[in-house]
Amino acid sequence: MVKIIIDHREPRQLIRELAKDHNIEIKQLLTADFIIQGKDPEGKDISIGLERKTSSDFLNSIIDKRIIQQLLYLKENFTSTLLIIEGTENIYKIRNFHPNAIRGMLASITIDFQIPILQTRSYRDTAALINTIATRLEKPKKLFPLLKKRKPPTLKEQQGLIIESLPYVGPTLAKSLLKKFKSVKNIINASSQDLQEIEKIGKKKSEEIKKVTDSNYD
C-alpha cells in the first residue's frame, strides 16, 4: 500500500487534499517536503522524495545556495527525486534576478543532478500531481521496452540472407539463385558452370562463390 509522508510545515489545505485519497503521515522531515513510499515493478521498496517550492522560495534558495544542499540530500536518501515549483508567476520577473542565473540553476538541476522539475499552478495542482504519482505506484506495473522488437526473420528471409553473404551476391541476385536452384543446399552444391547460367554471374563471380563454398576452413 502506498503511503505519503508529509512535512508538518506544509500548508494545511494541501495536506487535507492529499488525505482525501491516500494514507498519509505528518511528521518533521529533514530531507524532503513529501515522501511517497511504495513498490517498484519488481516488488522492491521504493521511496520518492519531493521538494516543493513556491516560485519566490525557489529564487531565494538560489541566492542562499540552500537548493544545492537540499537536492544533494534528496539524491542521497531516496530512490527517485522530484522538484516541484509551485505558482503562476513568471520566475524571470518576480524580482531583479539575472535570467541566466535562473536558467543555469534549472539546467544544473536537470542535467547535473538529474532531478526532474515539474511546474504546478497552486496547492491544489500540487496535491493532484502527488496523488497521481502515488496512484501510479498502486497500479500493477507494465514495463514498455524502449526499443521496438523486430519480428524474427521468416524462412524465406533467412535463406536470402545466407545467399547474400556469398561474394558479389546482393538481394536481387540471391533471389534469382534461389528461384533457379530452389534451396540453399542446391546453390552450394551447384558447379561453377551451373552458377553461370544465372544472369549477371560470369566465370569470375562463379569461381569466387565456389571458392567460399568448397574451400576447407583453415
N, C-alpha and C. Protein backbone atom coordinates (compact mmCIF):
# COMPACT_ATOMS: atom_id res chain seq x y z
N MET A 1 0.85 -1.20 0.00
CA MET A 1 0.00 0.00 0.00
C MET A 1 0.89 1.25 0.00
N VAL A 2 0.53 2.21 -0.81
CA VAL A 2 1.31 3.45 -0.91
C VAL A 2 1.03 4.35 0.29
N LYS A 3 2.09 4.96 0.77
CA LYS A 3 1.97 5.87 1.91
C LYS A 3 2.65 7.19 1.57
N ILE A 4 2.03 8.30 1.94
CA ILE A 4 2.60 9.62 1.72
C ILE A 4 2.95 10.23 3.07
N ILE A 5 4.23 10.55 3.25
CA ILE A 5 4.68 11.21 4.48
C ILE A 5 4.88 12.69 4.15
N ILE A 6 4.30 13.56 4.97
CA ILE A 6 4.29 14.99 4.68
C ILE A 6 4.96 15.76 5.81
N ASP A 7 5.81 16.69 5.45
CA ASP A 7 6.44 17.55 6.46
C ASP A 7 5.36 18.41 7.13
N HIS A 8 5.48 18.55 8.44
CA HIS A 8 4.43 19.23 9.21
C HIS A 8 4.32 20.71 8.87
N ARG A 9 5.31 21.26 8.17
CA ARG A 9 5.27 22.69 7.83
C ARG A 9 4.53 22.98 6.52
N GLU A 10 4.10 21.93 5.83
CA GLU A 10 3.38 22.14 4.58
C GLU A 10 1.98 22.71 4.85
N PRO A 11 1.41 23.46 3.88
CA PRO A 11 0.09 24.10 4.09
C PRO A 11 -1.00 23.10 4.46
N ARG A 12 -1.84 23.48 5.41
CA ARG A 12 -2.92 22.61 5.88
C ARG A 12 -3.86 22.19 4.75
N GLN A 13 -4.17 23.17 3.86
CA GLN A 13 -5.11 22.85 2.79
C GLN A 13 -4.54 21.81 1.82
N LEU A 14 -3.23 21.85 1.60
CA LEU A 14 -2.60 20.86 0.74
C LEU A 14 -2.64 19.48 1.39
N ILE A 15 -2.39 19.44 2.69
CA ILE A 15 -2.44 18.17 3.43
C ILE A 15 -3.83 17.58 3.38
N ARG A 16 -4.84 18.43 3.54
CA ARG A 16 -6.23 17.95 3.51
C ARG A 16 -6.57 17.35 2.15
N GLU A 17 -6.06 17.97 1.07
CA GLU A 17 -6.31 17.45 -0.27
C GLU A 17 -5.72 16.04 -0.44
N LEU A 18 -4.52 15.85 0.06
CA LEU A 18 -3.86 14.55 -0.08
C LEU A 18 -4.53 13.49 0.79
N ALA A 19 -5.04 13.89 1.94
CA ALA A 19 -5.65 12.94 2.86
C ALA A 19 -6.95 12.36 2.32
N LYS A 20 -7.54 13.01 1.32
CA LYS A 20 -8.81 12.53 0.76
C LYS A 20 -8.66 11.18 0.09
N ASP A 21 -7.52 10.91 -0.53
CA ASP A 21 -7.37 9.72 -1.35
C ASP A 21 -6.27 8.76 -0.91
N HIS A 22 -5.40 9.19 0.02
CA HIS A 22 -4.27 8.33 0.35
C HIS A 22 -4.00 8.29 1.86
N ASN A 23 -3.29 7.25 2.23
CA ASN A 23 -2.84 7.10 3.61
C ASN A 23 -1.67 8.05 3.83
N ILE A 24 -1.83 8.99 4.76
CA ILE A 24 -0.78 9.99 4.97
C ILE A 24 -0.27 9.95 6.40
N GLU A 25 0.93 10.46 6.57
CA GLU A 25 1.51 10.63 7.89
C GLU A 25 2.20 11.99 7.92
N ILE A 26 1.96 12.75 8.97
CA ILE A 26 2.53 14.08 9.11
C ILE A 26 3.62 14.04 10.17
N LYS A 27 4.80 14.47 9.81
CA LYS A 27 5.91 14.47 10.75
C LYS A 27 6.95 15.49 10.32
N GLN A 28 7.96 15.70 11.12
CA GLN A 28 9.04 16.61 10.75
C GLN A 28 10.02 15.86 9.85
N LEU A 29 10.18 16.38 8.64
CA LEU A 29 11.10 15.78 7.68
C LEU A 29 12.34 16.65 7.53
N LEU A 30 13.48 16.00 7.42
CA LEU A 30 14.74 16.73 7.31
C LEU A 30 15.24 16.83 5.87
N THR A 31 14.82 15.90 5.02
CA THR A 31 15.42 15.83 3.68
C THR A 31 14.43 15.99 2.54
N ALA A 32 13.16 16.24 2.80
CA ALA A 32 12.17 16.42 1.73
C ALA A 32 10.93 17.04 2.31
N ASP A 33 10.06 17.51 1.44
CA ASP A 33 8.76 18.02 1.89
C ASP A 33 7.70 16.92 1.86
N PHE A 34 7.87 15.97 0.91
CA PHE A 34 6.94 14.85 0.79
C PHE A 34 7.76 13.60 0.48
N ILE A 35 7.34 12.48 1.03
CA ILE A 35 7.93 11.18 0.71
C ILE A 35 6.80 10.24 0.32
N ILE A 36 6.93 9.66 -0.85
CA ILE A 36 5.95 8.67 -1.29
C ILE A 36 6.62 7.30 -1.23
N GLN A 37 6.05 6.39 -0.43
CA GLN A 37 6.62 5.06 -0.27
C GLN A 37 5.72 4.03 -0.95
N GLY A 38 6.34 3.15 -1.73
CA GLY A 38 5.57 2.12 -2.42
C GLY A 38 6.49 1.02 -2.90
N LYS A 39 6.12 0.36 -4.00
CA LYS A 39 6.89 -0.75 -4.57
C LYS A 39 7.23 -0.45 -6.02
N ASP A 40 8.41 -0.91 -6.45
CA ASP A 40 8.77 -0.78 -7.86
C ASP A 40 8.21 -1.96 -8.64
N PRO A 41 8.37 -2.01 -9.98
CA PRO A 41 7.79 -3.11 -10.77
C PRO A 41 8.23 -4.50 -10.34
N GLU A 42 9.37 -4.61 -9.65
CA GLU A 42 9.85 -5.91 -9.20
C GLU A 42 9.44 -6.21 -7.76
N GLY A 43 8.64 -5.35 -7.18
CA GLY A 43 8.16 -5.58 -5.82
C GLY A 43 9.10 -5.09 -4.73
N LYS A 44 10.16 -4.39 -5.10
CA LYS A 44 11.09 -3.86 -4.11
C LYS A 44 10.59 -2.51 -3.59
N ASP A 45 10.96 -2.22 -2.35
CA ASP A 45 10.56 -0.94 -1.74
C ASP A 45 11.15 0.23 -2.53
N ILE A 46 10.36 1.26 -2.71
CA ILE A 46 10.81 2.47 -3.40
C ILE A 46 10.34 3.68 -2.61
N SER A 47 11.18 4.69 -2.55
CA SER A 47 10.81 5.93 -1.87
C SER A 47 11.11 7.10 -2.80
N ILE A 48 10.12 7.95 -2.99
CA ILE A 48 10.26 9.11 -3.86
C ILE A 48 10.29 10.36 -2.98
N GLY A 49 11.37 11.11 -3.06
CA GLY A 49 11.49 12.33 -2.28
C GLY A 49 11.14 13.54 -3.12
N LEU A 50 10.18 14.33 -2.67
CA LEU A 50 9.73 15.51 -3.41
C LEU A 50 10.04 16.78 -2.62
N GLU A 51 10.65 17.71 -3.31
CA GLU A 51 10.88 19.04 -2.73
C GLU A 51 9.91 20.00 -3.39
N ARG A 52 9.11 20.71 -2.59
CA ARG A 52 8.14 21.66 -3.13
C ARG A 52 8.59 23.08 -2.80
N LYS A 53 8.61 23.93 -3.81
CA LYS A 53 8.97 25.33 -3.60
C LYS A 53 8.02 26.23 -4.37
N THR A 54 7.63 27.31 -3.72
CA THR A 54 6.92 28.34 -4.47
C THR A 54 7.93 29.04 -5.37
N SER A 55 7.45 29.79 -6.33
CA SER A 55 8.35 30.48 -7.24
C SER A 55 9.32 31.39 -6.50
N SER A 56 8.82 32.14 -5.52
CA SER A 56 9.67 33.05 -4.75
C SER A 56 10.70 32.29 -3.92
N ASP A 57 10.25 31.21 -3.29
CA ASP A 57 11.16 30.43 -2.46
C ASP A 57 12.25 29.78 -3.31
N PHE A 58 11.91 29.40 -4.51
CA PHE A 58 12.91 28.81 -5.41
C PHE A 58 14.02 29.82 -5.69
N LEU A 59 13.64 31.08 -5.98
CA LEU A 59 14.64 32.11 -6.25
C LEU A 59 15.47 32.40 -5.00
N ASN A 60 14.83 32.46 -3.85
CA ASN A 60 15.56 32.70 -2.60
C ASN A 60 16.57 31.59 -2.32
N SER A 61 16.18 30.36 -2.65
CA SER A 61 17.07 29.23 -2.39
C SER A 61 18.28 29.22 -3.32
N ILE A 62 18.15 29.88 -4.48
CA ILE A 62 19.30 30.03 -5.38
C ILE A 62 20.29 31.03 -4.77
N ILE A 63 19.75 32.13 -4.21
CA ILE A 63 20.61 33.17 -3.62
C ILE A 63 21.43 32.63 -2.46
N ASP A 64 20.77 31.91 -1.54
CA ASP A 64 21.49 31.42 -0.36
C ASP A 64 22.07 30.02 -0.56
N LYS A 65 21.95 29.51 -1.81
CA LYS A 65 22.51 28.20 -2.17
C LYS A 65 21.89 27.05 -1.38
N ARG A 66 20.76 27.30 -0.74
CA ARG A 66 20.07 26.26 0.01
C ARG A 66 19.61 25.13 -0.88
N ILE A 67 19.22 25.47 -2.13
CA ILE A 67 18.69 24.49 -3.05
C ILE A 67 19.70 23.38 -3.34
N ILE A 68 20.98 23.73 -3.41
CA ILE A 68 22.02 22.75 -3.72
C ILE A 68 22.08 21.67 -2.64
N GLN A 69 22.13 22.09 -1.38
CA GLN A 69 22.21 21.13 -0.28
C GLN A 69 20.95 20.28 -0.20
N GLN A 70 19.80 20.89 -0.44
CA GLN A 70 18.55 20.14 -0.38
C GLN A 70 18.49 19.06 -1.45
N LEU A 71 18.96 19.40 -2.65
CA LEU A 71 18.95 18.42 -3.74
C LEU A 71 19.95 17.30 -3.49
N LEU A 72 21.09 17.63 -2.89
CA LEU A 72 22.06 16.59 -2.55
C LEU A 72 21.47 15.61 -1.54
N TYR A 73 20.74 16.13 -0.56
CA TYR A 73 20.08 15.26 0.41
C TYR A 73 19.06 14.36 -0.28
N LEU A 74 18.32 14.92 -1.22
CA LEU A 74 17.32 14.12 -1.94
C LEU A 74 17.99 12.95 -2.66
N LYS A 75 19.06 13.25 -3.39
CA LYS A 75 19.74 12.21 -4.17
C LYS A 75 20.32 11.12 -3.28
N GLU A 76 20.78 11.50 -2.09
CA GLU A 76 21.42 10.55 -1.19
C GLU A 76 20.44 9.67 -0.44
N ASN A 77 19.20 10.12 -0.30
CA ASN A 77 18.28 9.43 0.61
C ASN A 77 17.08 8.76 -0.04
N PHE A 78 16.87 9.00 -1.34
CA PHE A 78 15.67 8.44 -1.95
C PHE A 78 15.96 7.71 -3.26
N THR A 79 15.08 6.78 -3.58
CA THR A 79 15.21 6.02 -4.82
C THR A 79 15.03 6.93 -6.02
N SER A 80 14.01 7.78 -5.96
CA SER A 80 13.73 8.75 -7.01
C SER A 80 13.49 10.11 -6.37
N THR A 81 13.74 11.16 -7.14
CA THR A 81 13.57 12.51 -6.60
C THR A 81 12.84 13.39 -7.60
N LEU A 82 12.22 14.44 -7.08
CA LEU A 82 11.44 15.35 -7.91
C LEU A 82 11.39 16.72 -7.27
N LEU A 83 11.54 17.75 -8.08
CA LEU A 83 11.40 19.13 -7.61
C LEU A 83 10.12 19.72 -8.21
N ILE A 84 9.27 20.23 -7.33
CA ILE A 84 8.03 20.88 -7.77
C ILE A 84 8.17 22.38 -7.52
N ILE A 85 7.97 23.17 -8.57
CA ILE A 85 7.94 24.63 -8.43
C ILE A 85 6.49 25.06 -8.59
N GLU A 86 5.95 25.63 -7.53
CA GLU A 86 4.51 25.94 -7.49
C GLU A 86 4.27 27.44 -7.65
N GLY A 87 3.34 27.78 -8.52
CA GLY A 87 2.96 29.17 -8.69
C GLY A 87 2.79 29.54 -10.15
N THR A 88 2.01 30.56 -10.41
CA THR A 88 1.75 31.01 -11.78
C THR A 88 2.61 32.21 -12.16
N GLU A 89 3.41 32.71 -11.21
CA GLU A 89 4.24 33.88 -11.51
C GLU A 89 5.35 33.51 -12.49
N ASN A 90 5.74 34.48 -13.26
CA ASN A 90 6.89 34.33 -14.15
C ASN A 90 8.16 34.49 -13.31
N ILE A 91 8.90 33.41 -13.11
CA ILE A 91 10.05 33.46 -12.21
C ILE A 91 11.14 34.42 -12.70
N TYR A 92 11.08 34.78 -13.98
CA TYR A 92 12.09 35.71 -14.52
C TYR A 92 11.73 37.17 -14.22
N LYS A 93 10.50 37.40 -13.70
CA LYS A 93 10.06 38.78 -13.47
C LYS A 93 9.65 39.07 -12.03
N ILE A 94 9.78 38.08 -11.16
CA ILE A 94 9.35 38.27 -9.78
C ILE A 94 10.22 39.31 -9.08
N ARG A 95 11.52 39.26 -9.33
CA ARG A 95 12.44 40.17 -8.68
C ARG A 95 13.61 40.44 -9.61
N ASN A 96 14.48 41.35 -9.19
CA ASN A 96 15.63 41.72 -10.00
C ASN A 96 16.67 40.61 -9.94
N PHE A 97 16.49 39.65 -10.81
CA PHE A 97 17.31 38.45 -10.80
C PHE A 97 17.77 38.18 -12.23
N HIS A 98 19.08 38.01 -12.45
CA HIS A 98 19.57 37.81 -13.82
C HIS A 98 19.01 36.51 -14.39
N PRO A 99 18.37 36.56 -15.56
CA PRO A 99 17.76 35.35 -16.15
C PRO A 99 18.74 34.19 -16.32
N ASN A 100 20.00 34.50 -16.64
CA ASN A 100 20.97 33.42 -16.84
C ASN A 100 21.25 32.65 -15.56
N ALA A 101 21.14 33.31 -14.41
CA ALA A 101 21.34 32.62 -13.14
C ALA A 101 20.23 31.60 -12.91
N ILE A 102 19.00 31.98 -13.28
CA ILE A 102 17.86 31.07 -13.15
C ILE A 102 18.00 29.91 -14.13
N ARG A 103 18.32 30.26 -15.39
CA ARG A 103 18.47 29.21 -16.41
C ARG A 103 19.59 28.24 -16.03
N GLY A 104 20.68 28.79 -15.51
CA GLY A 104 21.81 27.95 -15.12
C GLY A 104 21.44 26.97 -14.03
N MET A 105 20.66 27.44 -13.04
CA MET A 105 20.25 26.55 -11.96
C MET A 105 19.28 25.48 -12.46
N LEU A 106 18.33 25.88 -13.30
CA LEU A 106 17.39 24.90 -13.86
C LEU A 106 18.12 23.83 -14.66
N ALA A 107 19.11 24.26 -15.44
CA ALA A 107 19.89 23.31 -16.23
C ALA A 107 20.70 22.39 -15.34
N SER A 108 21.28 22.94 -14.28
CA SER A 108 22.08 22.13 -13.36
C SER A 108 21.23 21.08 -12.65
N ILE A 109 20.03 21.47 -12.24
CA ILE A 109 19.14 20.54 -11.54
C ILE A 109 18.79 19.36 -12.43
N THR A 110 18.44 19.65 -13.69
CA THR A 110 18.00 18.57 -14.58
C THR A 110 19.15 17.76 -15.16
N ILE A 111 20.29 18.41 -15.45
CA ILE A 111 21.39 17.71 -16.11
C ILE A 111 22.41 17.17 -15.09
N ASP A 112 22.90 18.05 -14.20
CA ASP A 112 23.92 17.62 -13.23
C ASP A 112 23.33 16.72 -12.14
N PHE A 113 22.21 17.14 -11.57
CA PHE A 113 21.59 16.36 -10.50
C PHE A 113 20.64 15.29 -11.04
N GLN A 114 20.23 15.45 -12.31
CA GLN A 114 19.28 14.52 -12.94
C GLN A 114 18.00 14.39 -12.11
N ILE A 115 17.49 15.54 -11.69
CA ILE A 115 16.24 15.60 -10.96
C ILE A 115 15.19 16.28 -11.83
N PRO A 116 14.08 15.62 -12.11
CA PRO A 116 13.02 16.26 -12.91
C PRO A 116 12.42 17.45 -12.18
N ILE A 117 12.03 18.46 -12.95
CA ILE A 117 11.36 19.64 -12.41
C ILE A 117 9.96 19.71 -13.01
N LEU A 118 8.96 19.80 -12.16
CA LEU A 118 7.58 19.93 -12.63
C LEU A 118 6.98 21.21 -12.08
N GLN A 119 6.21 21.89 -12.91
CA GLN A 119 5.57 23.15 -12.53
C GLN A 119 4.10 22.88 -12.19
N THR A 120 3.66 23.42 -11.06
CA THR A 120 2.24 23.36 -10.71
C THR A 120 1.73 24.78 -10.48
N ARG A 121 0.42 24.96 -10.59
CA ARG A 121 -0.16 26.31 -10.51
C ARG A 121 -0.53 26.72 -9.10
N SER A 122 -0.90 25.75 -8.26
CA SER A 122 -1.40 26.07 -6.92
C SER A 122 -1.24 24.85 -6.02
N TYR A 123 -1.63 25.00 -4.73
CA TYR A 123 -1.51 23.87 -3.82
C TYR A 123 -2.42 22.73 -4.27
N ARG A 124 -3.58 23.07 -4.86
CA ARG A 124 -4.48 22.02 -5.36
C ARG A 124 -3.84 21.27 -6.52
N ASP A 125 -3.17 22.00 -7.39
CA ASP A 125 -2.48 21.37 -8.51
C ASP A 125 -1.34 20.49 -8.00
N THR A 126 -0.61 20.96 -7.01
CA THR A 126 0.46 20.17 -6.41
C THR A 126 -0.09 18.89 -5.79
N ALA A 127 -1.18 19.01 -5.06
CA ALA A 127 -1.81 17.83 -4.45
C ALA A 127 -2.25 16.83 -5.51
N ALA A 128 -2.81 17.35 -6.60
CA ALA A 128 -3.27 16.47 -7.68
C ALA A 128 -2.09 15.73 -8.31
N LEU A 129 -0.96 16.43 -8.46
CA LEU A 129 0.24 15.79 -9.04
C LEU A 129 0.76 14.70 -8.11
N ILE A 130 0.85 14.99 -6.83
CA ILE A 130 1.34 13.99 -5.87
C ILE A 130 0.38 12.80 -5.82
N ASN A 131 -0.92 13.07 -5.87
CA ASN A 131 -1.91 12.00 -5.91
C ASN A 131 -1.71 11.10 -7.13
N THR A 132 -1.43 11.73 -8.27
CA THR A 132 -1.23 10.97 -9.50
C THR A 132 -0.01 10.06 -9.39
N ILE A 133 1.08 10.59 -8.84
CA ILE A 133 2.30 9.79 -8.68
C ILE A 133 2.03 8.61 -7.74
N ALA A 134 1.36 8.88 -6.62
CA ALA A 134 1.06 7.81 -5.66
C ALA A 134 0.15 6.76 -6.27
N THR A 135 -0.83 7.20 -7.06
CA THR A 135 -1.76 6.26 -7.69
C THR A 135 -1.04 5.35 -8.67
N ARG A 136 -0.07 5.87 -9.39
CA ARG A 136 0.69 5.05 -10.33
C ARG A 136 1.45 3.94 -9.62
N LEU A 137 1.93 4.21 -8.40
CA LEU A 137 2.64 3.19 -7.64
C LEU A 137 1.69 2.08 -7.17
N GLU A 138 0.42 2.41 -7.04
CA GLU A 138 -0.55 1.43 -6.56
C GLU A 138 -1.03 0.49 -7.65
N LYS A 139 -0.91 0.92 -8.90
CA LYS A 139 -1.42 0.12 -10.01
C LYS A 139 -0.40 -0.94 -10.41
N PRO A 140 -0.88 -2.09 -10.95
CA PRO A 140 0.05 -3.10 -11.46
C PRO A 140 0.94 -2.49 -12.54
N LYS A 141 2.20 -2.85 -12.53
CA LYS A 141 3.16 -2.24 -13.44
C LYS A 141 3.22 -3.00 -14.76
N LYS A 142 3.32 -2.24 -15.83
CA LYS A 142 3.54 -2.81 -17.15
C LYS A 142 4.72 -2.08 -17.77
N LEU A 143 5.80 -2.82 -17.96
CA LEU A 143 7.01 -2.20 -18.49
C LEU A 143 6.97 -2.20 -20.01
N PHE A 144 7.38 -1.09 -20.59
CA PHE A 144 7.41 -0.96 -22.04
C PHE A 144 8.85 -0.91 -22.51
N PRO A 145 9.23 -1.75 -23.47
CA PRO A 145 10.60 -1.71 -23.97
C PRO A 145 10.89 -0.40 -24.68
N LEU A 146 12.11 0.11 -24.51
CA LEU A 146 12.49 1.36 -25.16
C LEU A 146 12.67 1.17 -26.66
N LEU A 147 13.09 -0.01 -27.06
CA LEU A 147 13.28 -0.29 -28.47
C LEU A 147 12.23 -1.29 -28.94
N LYS A 148 11.64 -1.03 -30.07
CA LYS A 148 10.65 -1.92 -30.63
C LYS A 148 11.32 -3.20 -31.10
N LYS A 149 10.80 -4.33 -30.63
CA LYS A 149 11.39 -5.60 -31.02
C LYS A 149 11.04 -5.93 -32.47
N ARG A 150 12.07 -6.32 -33.21
CA ARG A 150 11.86 -6.70 -34.60
C ARG A 150 11.38 -8.14 -34.66
N LYS A 151 10.44 -8.41 -35.56
CA LYS A 151 9.96 -9.77 -35.74
C LYS A 151 11.10 -10.64 -36.24
N PRO A 152 11.16 -11.90 -35.78
CA PRO A 152 12.21 -12.78 -36.29
C PRO A 152 12.06 -12.98 -37.80
N PRO A 153 13.17 -13.09 -38.52
CA PRO A 153 13.07 -13.24 -39.98
C PRO A 153 12.36 -14.53 -40.37
N THR A 154 11.61 -14.47 -41.46
CA THR A 154 10.93 -15.65 -41.96
C THR A 154 11.96 -16.60 -42.58
N LEU A 155 11.53 -17.83 -42.87
CA LEU A 155 12.42 -18.80 -43.51
C LEU A 155 12.94 -18.27 -44.84
N LYS A 156 12.06 -17.65 -45.59
CA LYS A 156 12.45 -17.08 -46.89
C LYS A 156 13.51 -15.99 -46.71
N GLU A 157 13.33 -15.15 -45.69
CA GLU A 157 14.29 -14.08 -45.43
C GLU A 157 15.63 -14.64 -44.98
N GLN A 158 15.60 -15.68 -44.15
CA GLN A 158 16.83 -16.30 -43.69
C GLN A 158 17.60 -16.92 -44.86
N GLN A 159 16.89 -17.58 -45.76
CA GLN A 159 17.55 -18.17 -46.92
C GLN A 159 18.21 -17.08 -47.77
N GLY A 160 17.48 -15.98 -47.95
CA GLY A 160 18.03 -14.88 -48.73
C GLY A 160 19.29 -14.30 -48.09
N LEU A 161 19.28 -14.17 -46.76
CA LEU A 161 20.44 -13.61 -46.05
C LEU A 161 21.66 -14.51 -46.19
N ILE A 162 21.45 -15.82 -46.17
CA ILE A 162 22.58 -16.75 -46.32
C ILE A 162 23.21 -16.61 -47.70
N ILE A 163 22.40 -16.56 -48.71
CA ILE A 163 22.93 -16.46 -50.08
C ILE A 163 23.53 -15.09 -50.33
N GLU A 164 22.97 -14.05 -49.73
CA GLU A 164 23.54 -12.70 -49.90
C GLU A 164 24.93 -12.58 -49.29
N SER A 165 25.28 -13.49 -48.39
CA SER A 165 26.61 -13.44 -47.79
C SER A 165 27.70 -13.95 -48.73
N LEU A 166 27.31 -14.54 -49.85
CA LEU A 166 28.29 -15.04 -50.82
C LEU A 166 28.89 -13.87 -51.61
N PRO A 167 30.10 -14.03 -52.15
CA PRO A 167 30.76 -12.94 -52.88
C PRO A 167 29.95 -12.44 -54.07
N TYR A 168 29.86 -11.11 -54.19
CA TYR A 168 29.20 -10.43 -55.31
C TYR A 168 27.69 -10.69 -55.39
N VAL A 169 27.10 -11.25 -54.33
CA VAL A 169 25.67 -11.58 -54.36
C VAL A 169 24.90 -10.59 -53.50
N GLY A 170 23.99 -9.83 -54.15
CA GLY A 170 23.10 -8.93 -53.44
C GLY A 170 21.70 -9.51 -53.37
N PRO A 171 20.72 -8.73 -52.86
CA PRO A 171 19.35 -9.23 -52.73
C PRO A 171 18.74 -9.72 -54.04
N THR A 172 18.95 -8.99 -55.15
CA THR A 172 18.36 -9.38 -56.44
C THR A 172 18.95 -10.67 -56.95
N LEU A 173 20.27 -10.78 -56.89
CA LEU A 173 20.94 -11.98 -57.37
C LEU A 173 20.63 -13.18 -56.48
N ALA A 174 20.51 -12.95 -55.18
CA ALA A 174 20.16 -14.03 -54.26
C ALA A 174 18.79 -14.59 -54.59
N LYS A 175 17.85 -13.71 -54.90
CA LYS A 175 16.51 -14.15 -55.26
C LYS A 175 16.54 -14.98 -56.54
N SER A 176 17.34 -14.55 -57.52
CA SER A 176 17.45 -15.29 -58.79
C SER A 176 18.04 -16.68 -58.56
N LEU A 177 19.05 -16.77 -57.70
CA LEU A 177 19.67 -18.06 -57.41
C LEU A 177 18.69 -19.01 -56.71
N LEU A 178 17.95 -18.48 -55.76
CA LEU A 178 17.00 -19.32 -55.02
C LEU A 178 15.85 -19.77 -55.92
N LYS A 179 15.42 -18.92 -56.82
CA LYS A 179 14.35 -19.32 -57.76
C LYS A 179 14.83 -20.42 -58.69
N LYS A 180 16.09 -20.33 -59.10
CA LYS A 180 16.66 -21.30 -60.04
C LYS A 180 16.94 -22.64 -59.37
N PHE A 181 17.63 -22.59 -58.21
CA PHE A 181 18.08 -23.83 -57.59
C PHE A 181 17.18 -24.33 -56.46
N LYS A 182 16.19 -23.55 -56.07
CA LYS A 182 15.14 -23.94 -55.13
C LYS A 182 15.54 -24.02 -53.66
N SER A 183 16.82 -24.22 -53.35
CA SER A 183 17.22 -24.31 -51.94
C SER A 183 18.65 -23.82 -51.77
N VAL A 184 19.00 -23.50 -50.54
CA VAL A 184 20.37 -23.07 -50.22
C VAL A 184 21.34 -24.20 -50.50
N LYS A 185 20.94 -25.41 -50.14
CA LYS A 185 21.80 -26.58 -50.35
C LYS A 185 22.13 -26.77 -51.82
N ASN A 186 21.15 -26.62 -52.70
CA ASN A 186 21.38 -26.81 -54.13
C ASN A 186 22.32 -25.73 -54.69
N ILE A 187 22.22 -24.53 -54.16
CA ILE A 187 23.11 -23.45 -54.63
C ILE A 187 24.55 -23.76 -54.23
N ILE A 188 24.74 -24.20 -52.98
CA ILE A 188 26.08 -24.51 -52.50
C ILE A 188 26.68 -25.68 -53.29
N ASN A 189 25.85 -26.65 -53.63
CA ASN A 189 26.34 -27.83 -54.35
C ASN A 189 26.46 -27.61 -55.86
N ALA A 190 25.94 -26.51 -56.35
CA ALA A 190 25.98 -26.25 -57.79
C ALA A 190 27.42 -26.05 -58.26
N SER A 191 27.68 -26.46 -59.50
CA SER A 191 29.01 -26.28 -60.07
C SER A 191 29.19 -24.84 -60.56
N SER A 192 30.41 -24.51 -60.86
CA SER A 192 30.69 -23.17 -61.38
C SER A 192 29.93 -22.93 -62.68
N GLN A 193 29.85 -23.96 -63.51
CA GLN A 193 29.13 -23.83 -64.77
C GLN A 193 27.63 -23.64 -64.55
N ASP A 194 27.10 -24.36 -63.57
CA ASP A 194 25.67 -24.21 -63.26
C ASP A 194 25.36 -22.79 -62.79
N LEU A 195 26.23 -22.24 -61.97
CA LEU A 195 26.02 -20.89 -61.46
C LEU A 195 26.03 -19.85 -62.57
N GLN A 196 26.84 -20.11 -63.60
CA GLN A 196 26.96 -19.16 -64.70
C GLN A 196 25.71 -19.09 -65.58
N GLU A 197 24.77 -20.00 -65.33
CA GLU A 197 23.50 -19.95 -66.06
C GLU A 197 22.62 -18.80 -65.56
N ILE A 198 22.97 -18.29 -64.40
CA ILE A 198 22.22 -17.16 -63.84
C ILE A 198 22.75 -15.87 -64.44
N GLU A 199 21.82 -15.03 -64.89
CA GLU A 199 22.21 -13.74 -65.47
C GLU A 199 23.02 -12.93 -64.45
N LYS A 200 24.07 -12.31 -64.93
CA LYS A 200 24.97 -11.47 -64.14
C LYS A 200 25.97 -12.26 -63.30
N ILE A 201 26.00 -13.58 -63.50
CA ILE A 201 27.06 -14.37 -62.87
C ILE A 201 27.96 -14.92 -63.97
N GLY A 202 29.16 -14.37 -64.03
CA GLY A 202 30.12 -14.83 -65.01
C GLY A 202 31.11 -15.79 -64.38
N LYS A 203 32.17 -16.08 -65.11
CA LYS A 203 33.17 -17.04 -64.65
C LYS A 203 33.84 -16.57 -63.37
N LYS A 204 34.20 -15.29 -63.31
CA LYS A 204 34.90 -14.77 -62.12
C LYS A 204 34.02 -14.86 -60.87
N LYS A 205 32.76 -14.43 -60.99
CA LYS A 205 31.85 -14.47 -59.83
C LYS A 205 31.61 -15.91 -59.39
N SER A 206 31.38 -16.79 -60.36
CA SER A 206 31.08 -18.18 -60.00
C SER A 206 32.26 -18.83 -59.30
N GLU A 207 33.49 -18.52 -59.76
CA GLU A 207 34.67 -19.10 -59.14
C GLU A 207 34.86 -18.57 -57.71
N GLU A 208 34.55 -17.28 -57.49
CA GLU A 208 34.67 -16.73 -56.15
C GLU A 208 33.63 -17.34 -55.21
N ILE A 209 32.44 -17.59 -55.72
CA ILE A 209 31.39 -18.23 -54.92
C ILE A 209 31.82 -19.64 -54.54
N LYS A 210 32.34 -20.40 -55.53
CA LYS A 210 32.75 -21.78 -55.27
C LYS A 210 33.96 -21.83 -54.33
N LYS A 211 34.79 -20.80 -54.41
CA LYS A 211 35.94 -20.76 -53.51
C LYS A 211 35.48 -20.70 -52.05
N VAL A 212 34.41 -19.93 -51.80
CA VAL A 212 33.86 -19.82 -50.44
C VAL A 212 33.16 -21.11 -50.02
N THR A 213 32.35 -21.68 -50.90
CA THR A 213 31.56 -22.85 -50.54
C THR A 213 32.36 -24.15 -50.49
N ASP A 214 33.46 -24.26 -51.26
CA ASP A 214 34.17 -25.53 -51.37
C ASP A 214 35.49 -25.57 -50.60
N SER A 215 36.05 -24.42 -50.23
CA SER A 215 37.36 -24.41 -49.57
C SER A 215 37.25 -24.92 -48.14
N ASN A 216 38.31 -25.63 -47.69
CA ASN A 216 38.37 -26.09 -46.30
C ASN A 216 38.57 -24.89 -45.37
N TYR A 217 37.98 -25.00 -44.20
CA TYR A 217 38.15 -23.96 -43.19
C TYR A 217 39.53 -24.08 -42.57
N ASP A 218 40.28 -23.00 -42.62
CA ASP A 218 41.64 -23.04 -42.09
C ASP A 218 41.75 -22.08 -40.92
